[in-house]
Amino acid sequence: MKYIVKMFQDEGDRKLVGFQVADPKGNNLAINRFVPKSGTNEEMIAAALEAAQPEIDEWLASFSVIGREWNADAGAFVAVPAAESSEVTE
């Protein structure tokens, strides 16, 4: 996972921290969180990421069904054939 800080601004007594999150397949999520203005910049960014993590995890989990074939008659996903091994055994 790659996290880029896209926003770091004061909003009253809170800090608004924005992230651009990218997974290894190139999917992207923009997410913002407010945190109290206290501690170092790194501490506030870490707190914002911790607050955003449940939504990030949910976003990642959503990809488990994207792109899979659905059999409406059976009410189930179509099984993906197992990859054949190219390993030669003697």
C-alpha atoms as a PDB file:
ATOM      1  CA  MET A   1       0.000   0.000   0.000  1.00  0.00           C
ATOM      2  CA  LYS A   2       1.096   3.506  -0.736  1.00  0.00           C
ATOM      3  CA  TYR A   3      -0.166   6.491   1.267  1.00  0.00           C
ATOM      4  CA  ILE A   4       0.370  10.051  -0.006  1.00  0.00           C
ATOM      5  CA  VAL A   5      -0.600  12.982   2.237  1.00  0.00           C
ATOM      6  CA  LYS A   6      -2.707  15.238   0.004  1.00  0.00           C
ATOM      7  CA  MET A   7      -4.078  17.651   2.598  1.00  0.00           C
ATOM      8  CA  PHE A   8      -2.843  18.949   5.942  1.00  0.00           C
ATOM      9  CA  GLN A   9      -4.735  22.046   7.014  1.00  0.00           C
ATOM     10  CA  ASP A  10      -6.062  23.715  10.130  1.00  0.00           C
ATOM     11  CA  GLU A  11      -9.807  23.731  10.736  1.00  0.00           C
ATOM     12  CA  GLY A  12     -10.307  25.525  14.049  1.00  0.00           C
ATOM     13  CA  ASP A  13      -8.876  23.377  16.827  1.00  0.00           C
ATOM     14  CA  ARG A  14      -8.593  20.368  14.503  1.00  0.00           C
ATOM     15  CA  LYS A  15      -6.324  19.346  11.645  1.00  0.00           C
ATOM     16  CA  LEU A  16      -7.780  17.987   8.394  1.00  0.00           C
ATOM     17  CA  VAL A  17      -5.530  15.295   6.950  1.00  0.00           C
ATOM     18  CA  GLY A  18      -6.188  13.911   3.483  1.00  0.00           C
ATOM     19  CA  PHE A  19      -4.650  10.803   1.949  1.00  0.00           C
ATOM     20  CA  GLN A  20      -4.440   9.325  -1.524  1.00  0.00           C
ATOM     21  CA  VAL A  21      -4.240   5.565  -0.966  1.00  0.00           C
ATOM     22  CA  ALA A  22      -3.039   3.256  -3.755  1.00  0.00           C
ATOM     23  CA  ASP A  23      -3.054  -0.518  -3.713  1.00  0.00           C
ATOM     24  CA  PRO A  24      -0.532  -2.636  -5.657  1.00  0.00           C
ATOM     25  CA  LYS A  25      -3.005  -3.065  -8.551  1.00  0.00           C
ATOM     26  CA  GLY A  26      -3.293   0.693  -9.106  1.00  0.00           C
ATOM     27  CA  ASN A  27      -6.687   1.246  -7.459  1.00  0.00           C
ATOM     28  CA  ASN A  28      -6.906   4.593  -5.664  1.00  0.00           C
ATOM     29  CA  LEU A  29      -8.930   5.961  -2.767  1.00  0.00           C
ATOM     30  CA  ALA A  30      -9.059   9.558  -1.525  1.00  0.00           C
ATOM     31  CA  ILE A  31      -9.928   9.801   2.153  1.00  0.00           C
ATOM     32  CA  ASN A  32      -9.874  12.625   4.739  1.00  0.00           C
ATOM     33  CA  ARG A  33      -9.980  12.600   8.516  1.00  0.00           C
ATOM     34  CA  PHE A  34     -10.083  15.282  11.205  1.00  0.00           C
ATOM     35  CA  VAL A  35      -7.785  14.879  14.198  1.00  0.00           C
ATOM     36  CA  PRO A  36      -7.072  17.109  17.204  1.00  0.00           C
ATOM     37  CA  LYS A  37      -4.246  19.603  16.696  1.00  0.00           C
ATOM     38  CA  SER A  38      -1.779  18.151  19.155  1.00  0.00           C
ATOM     39  CA  GLY A  39       1.622  16.559  18.915  1.00  0.00           C
ATOM     40  CA  THR A  40       3.922  16.522  15.920  1.00  0.00           C
ATOM     41  CA  ASN A  41       2.877  16.484  12.286  1.00  0.00           C
ATOM     42  CA  GLU A  42       3.839  12.809  12.154  1.00  0.00           C
ATOM     43  CA  GLU A  43       1.658  12.024  15.194  1.00  0.00           C
ATOM     44  CA  MET A  44      -1.340  13.814  13.676  1.00  0.00           C
ATOM     45  CA  ILE A  45      -0.863  12.015  10.352  1.00  0.00           C
ATOM     46  CA  ALA A  46      -0.556   8.658  12.136  1.00  0.00           C
ATOM     47  CA  ALA A  47      -3.749   9.407  14.117  1.00  0.00           C
ATOM     48  CA  ALA A  48      -5.614  10.334  10.919  1.00  0.00           C
ATOM     49  CA  LEU A  49      -4.479   7.147   9.190  1.00  0.00           C
ATOM     50  CA  GLU A  50      -5.544   5.074  12.193  1.00  0.00           C
ATOM     51  CA  ALA A  51      -8.974   6.734  12.096  1.00  0.00           C
ATOM     52  CA  ALA A  52      -9.271   6.071   8.337  1.00  0.00           C
ATOM     53  CA  GLN A  53      -8.026   2.467   8.460  1.00  0.00           C
ATOM     54  CA  PRO A  54     -11.453   0.759   8.896  1.00  0.00           C
ATOM     55  CA  GLU A  55     -12.754   2.471   5.742  1.00  0.00           C
ATOM     56  CA  ILE A  56      -9.527   1.674   3.872  1.00  0.00           C
ATOM     57  CA  ASP A  57      -9.835  -1.989   4.897  1.00  0.00           C
ATOM     58  CA  GLU A  58     -13.457  -2.054   3.704  1.00  0.00           C
ATOM     59  CA  TRP A  59     -12.412  -0.521   0.384  1.00  0.00           C
ATOM     60  CA  LEU A  60      -9.704  -3.162  -0.058  1.00  0.00           C
ATOM     61  CA  ALA A  61     -12.115  -5.979   0.816  1.00  0.00           C
ATOM     62  CA  SER A  62     -14.548  -4.796  -1.872  1.00  0.00           C
ATOM     63  CA  PHE A  63     -12.081  -5.912  -4.553  1.00  0.00           C
ATOM     64  CA  SER A  64     -12.521  -9.565  -3.569  1.00  0.00           C
ATOM     65  CA  VAL A  65     -15.669  -9.752  -5.744  1.00  0.00           C
ATOM     66  CA  ILE A  66     -14.925  -7.196  -8.452  1.00  0.00           C
ATOM     67  CA  GLY A  67     -14.263  -8.858 -11.770  1.00  0.00           C
ATOM     68  CA  ARG A  68     -15.613 -12.266 -10.724  1.00  0.00           C
ATOM     69  CA  GLU A  69     -18.276 -13.979 -12.797  1.00  0.00           C
ATOM     70  CA  TRP A  70     -21.669 -14.436 -11.086  1.00  0.00           C
ATOM     71  CA  ASN A  71     -24.002 -17.347 -11.925  1.00  0.00           C
ATOM     72  CA  ALA A  72     -27.465 -15.929 -11.221  1.00  0.00           C
ATOM     73  CA  ASP A  73     -29.180 -19.328 -11.575  1.00  0.00           C
ATOM     74  CA  ALA A  74     -26.956 -20.968  -8.971  1.00  0.00           C
ATOM     75  CA  GLY A  75     -26.686 -17.870  -6.807  1.00  0.00           C
ATOM     76  CA  ALA A  76     -22.930 -18.286  -6.624  1.00  0.00           C
ATOM     77  CA  PHE A  77     -19.695 -17.213  -8.219  1.00  0.00           C
ATOM     78  CA  VAL A  78     -18.399 -19.290 -11.102  1.00  0.00           C
ATOM     79  CA  ALA A  79     -15.396 -21.277  -9.928  1.00  0.00           C
ATOM     80  CA  VAL A  80     -12.080 -20.104 -11.266  1.00  0.00           C
ATOM     81  CA  PRO A  81     -10.134 -23.027 -12.751  1.00  0.00           C
ATOM     82  CA  ALA A  82      -6.935 -23.840 -10.927  1.00  0.00           C
ATOM     83  CA  ALA A  83      -3.820 -22.756 -12.756  1.00  0.00           C
ATOM     84  CA  GLU A  84      -1.938 -25.616 -14.313  1.00  0.00           C
ATOM     85  CA  SER A  85       1.595 -26.079 -13.099  1.00  0.00           C
ATOM     86  CA  SER A  86       4.305 -25.579 -15.686  1.00  0.00           C
ATOM     87  CA  GLU A  87       6.715 -27.497 -13.500  1.00  0.00           C
ATOM     88  CA  VAL A  88       8.138 -30.591 -15.140  1.00  0.00           C
ATOM     89  CA  THR A  89       8.386 -33.673 -12.958  1.00  0.00           C
ATOM     90  CA  GLU A  90      10.536 -36.664 -13.802  1.00  0.00           C
END
